[in-house]
Amino acid sequence: MKSTLLSTRNPSTAPVSAARVASFREPVYECRETDHGLRLTVYVPGVEASGVDIEGNGSDLTVTARKPHPVRVNFEALNLEGVQRDYLLRLRLGNGFDFGAMAAEITRGVLTVNLPKRARAALARVA
């Protein structure tokens, strides 16, 4: 079983255009809150670790997962356009999570993101 740890980063504030969003599809995901934080499982079949970008911005989490798109000689795709689209997931999680301490790994197309809760003292300063 191959498991790859991913690095996460805090965001660029560049807005995503409507044309760019149309080229993505929303992946299936599960979101579970634990005592220590949030565990997000995102199903992105066909995506490798190098194609995953996770951004935390304010109260929003954005996961972008791009599939490798090999160039095929003498091949014409008829109905594969939807299947070959990349993944984009945007979630509004609130201010109670520490995006800087976020950790993620991907194994066989299943991306797992662990997002710890902020300490109560840090929450008091934000409010």
Protein backbone atom coordinates (compact mmCIF):
# COMPACT_ATOMS: atom_id res chain seq x y z
CA MET A 1 0.00 0.00 0.00
CA LYS A 2 1.64 3.24 -1.13
CA SER A 3 0.96 6.31 0.97
CA THR A 4 2.29 9.75 0.16
CA LEU A 5 2.40 12.68 2.56
CA LEU A 6 1.46 15.99 0.99
CA SER A 7 2.62 19.44 1.89
CA THR A 8 -0.11 22.02 2.34
CA ARG A 9 0.13 25.75 2.01
CA ASN A 10 -1.73 28.84 2.93
CA PRO A 11 -3.46 30.37 -0.01
CA SER A 12 -2.94 32.66 -2.83
CA THR A 13 -5.85 35.04 -2.87
CA ALA A 14 -6.34 34.84 -6.63
CA PRO A 15 -10.03 34.34 -7.45
CA VAL A 16 -11.10 31.34 -9.50
CA SER A 17 -12.77 32.32 -12.76
CA ALA A 18 -16.11 30.85 -13.84
CA ALA A 19 -14.49 29.26 -16.91
CA ARG A 20 -11.91 27.55 -14.72
CA VAL A 21 -14.59 26.21 -12.34
CA ALA A 22 -16.52 24.76 -15.31
CA SER A 23 -13.51 22.61 -16.20
CA PHE A 24 -13.63 20.93 -12.76
CA ARG A 25 -16.08 18.62 -11.04
CA GLU A 26 -16.80 18.26 -7.33
CA PRO A 27 -15.42 15.05 -5.81
CA VAL A 28 -17.23 12.77 -3.40
CA TYR A 29 -16.08 13.50 0.16
CA GLU A 30 -16.72 12.71 3.82
CA CYS A 31 -16.22 15.21 6.60
CA ARG A 32 -16.03 14.09 10.24
CA GLU A 33 -15.43 16.24 13.28
CA THR A 34 -13.38 14.70 16.09
CA ASP A 35 -12.43 15.95 19.54
CA HIS A 36 -9.14 17.27 18.18
CA GLY A 37 -10.21 18.62 14.81
CA LEU A 38 -11.66 17.66 11.46
CA ARG A 39 -10.92 14.66 9.25
CA LEU A 40 -11.78 15.18 5.60
CA THR A 41 -11.69 12.23 3.20
CA VAL A 42 -11.85 13.16 -0.49
CA TYR A 43 -12.17 10.52 -3.22
CA VAL A 44 -10.11 11.58 -6.24
CA PRO A 45 -9.43 8.50 -8.40
CA GLY A 46 -6.62 8.85 -10.91
CA VAL A 47 -4.90 11.69 -9.04
CA GLU A 48 -1.28 11.48 -7.90
CA ALA A 49 0.26 13.38 -4.98
CA SER A 50 1.94 15.87 -7.30
CA GLY A 51 -1.49 16.92 -8.65
CA VAL A 52 -3.01 17.89 -5.28
CA ASP A 53 -3.13 21.48 -3.99
CA ILE A 54 -4.75 22.29 -0.63
CA GLU A 55 -5.31 25.89 0.44
CA GLY A 56 -6.71 27.36 3.64
CA ASN A 57 -7.89 30.95 3.40
CA GLY A 58 -9.76 32.58 6.29
CA SER A 59 -12.61 30.18 6.99
CA ASP A 60 -12.46 28.41 3.60
CA LEU A 61 -10.67 25.24 2.54
CA THR A 62 -10.05 24.60 -1.16
CA VAL A 63 -8.83 21.25 -2.50
CA THR A 64 -7.75 21.10 -6.15
CA ALA A 65 -6.78 17.69 -7.55
CA ARG A 66 -5.53 17.38 -11.11
CA LYS A 67 -5.26 14.11 -13.03
CA PRO A 68 -2.35 13.48 -15.35
CA HIS A 69 -3.53 14.08 -18.91
CA PRO A 70 -1.38 11.99 -21.25
CA VAL A 71 -1.31 12.96 -24.89
CA ARG A 72 -2.54 10.09 -27.04
CA VAL A 73 -1.54 9.93 -30.67
CA ASN A 74 -4.32 9.01 -33.14
CA PHE A 75 -6.98 8.99 -30.41
CA GLU A 76 -10.23 10.92 -30.40
CA ALA A 77 -12.19 11.15 -27.16
CA LEU A 78 -15.93 11.01 -27.72
CA ASN A 79 -17.62 10.81 -24.35
CA LEU A 80 -14.68 10.90 -21.96
CA GLU A 81 -14.58 14.66 -21.47
CA GLY A 82 -16.53 14.55 -18.18
CA VAL A 83 -14.49 11.67 -16.82
CA GLN A 84 -11.21 13.42 -17.56
CA ARG A 85 -12.08 16.63 -15.72
CA ASP A 86 -10.09 17.53 -12.63
CA TYR A 87 -11.53 17.95 -9.12
CA LEU A 88 -12.28 21.12 -7.16
CA LEU A 89 -13.77 21.11 -3.65
CA ARG A 90 -14.54 24.28 -1.68
CA LEU A 91 -15.73 24.09 1.90
CA ARG A 92 -16.52 26.87 4.36
CA LEU A 93 -15.36 25.48 7.70
CA GLY A 94 -15.36 28.51 9.96
CA ASN A 95 -12.57 30.08 12.00
CA GLY A 96 -12.16 27.27 14.53
CA PHE A 97 -9.45 25.36 12.63
CA ASP A 98 -5.68 25.81 12.36
CA PHE A 99 -4.90 25.71 8.63
CA GLY A 100 -1.18 26.16 9.32
CA ALA A 101 -1.04 22.80 11.14
CA MET A 102 -3.00 20.94 8.46
CA ALA A 103 -1.62 17.55 7.32
CA ALA A 104 -2.65 15.47 4.30
CA GLU A 105 -1.82 12.20 2.59
CA ILE A 106 -3.07 10.39 -0.49
CA THR A 107 -3.29 6.63 -0.97
CA ARG A 108 -4.76 5.02 -4.10
CA GLY A 109 -6.89 8.04 -4.98
CA VAL A 110 -8.17 8.65 -1.43
CA LEU A 111 -7.00 11.99 -0.02
CA THR A 112 -7.14 12.33 3.77
CA VAL A 113 -6.80 15.80 5.30
CA ASN A 114 -6.42 16.23 9.07
CA LEU A 115 -7.22 19.74 10.25
CA PRO A 116 -6.68 20.42 13.99
CA LYS A 117 -8.86 22.78 15.98
CA ARG A 118 -7.40 26.06 17.17
CA ALA A 119 -6.66 26.50 20.85
CA ARG A 120 -9.38 28.33 22.77
CA ALA A 121 -7.04 31.25 23.52
CA ALA A 122 -6.46 31.74 19.78
CA LEU A 123 -10.22 31.69 19.16
CA ALA A 124 -10.78 34.41 21.74
CA ARG A 125 -8.28 36.68 19.93
CA VAL A 126 -9.94 36.12 16.54
CA ALA A 127 -13.43 37.02 17.72
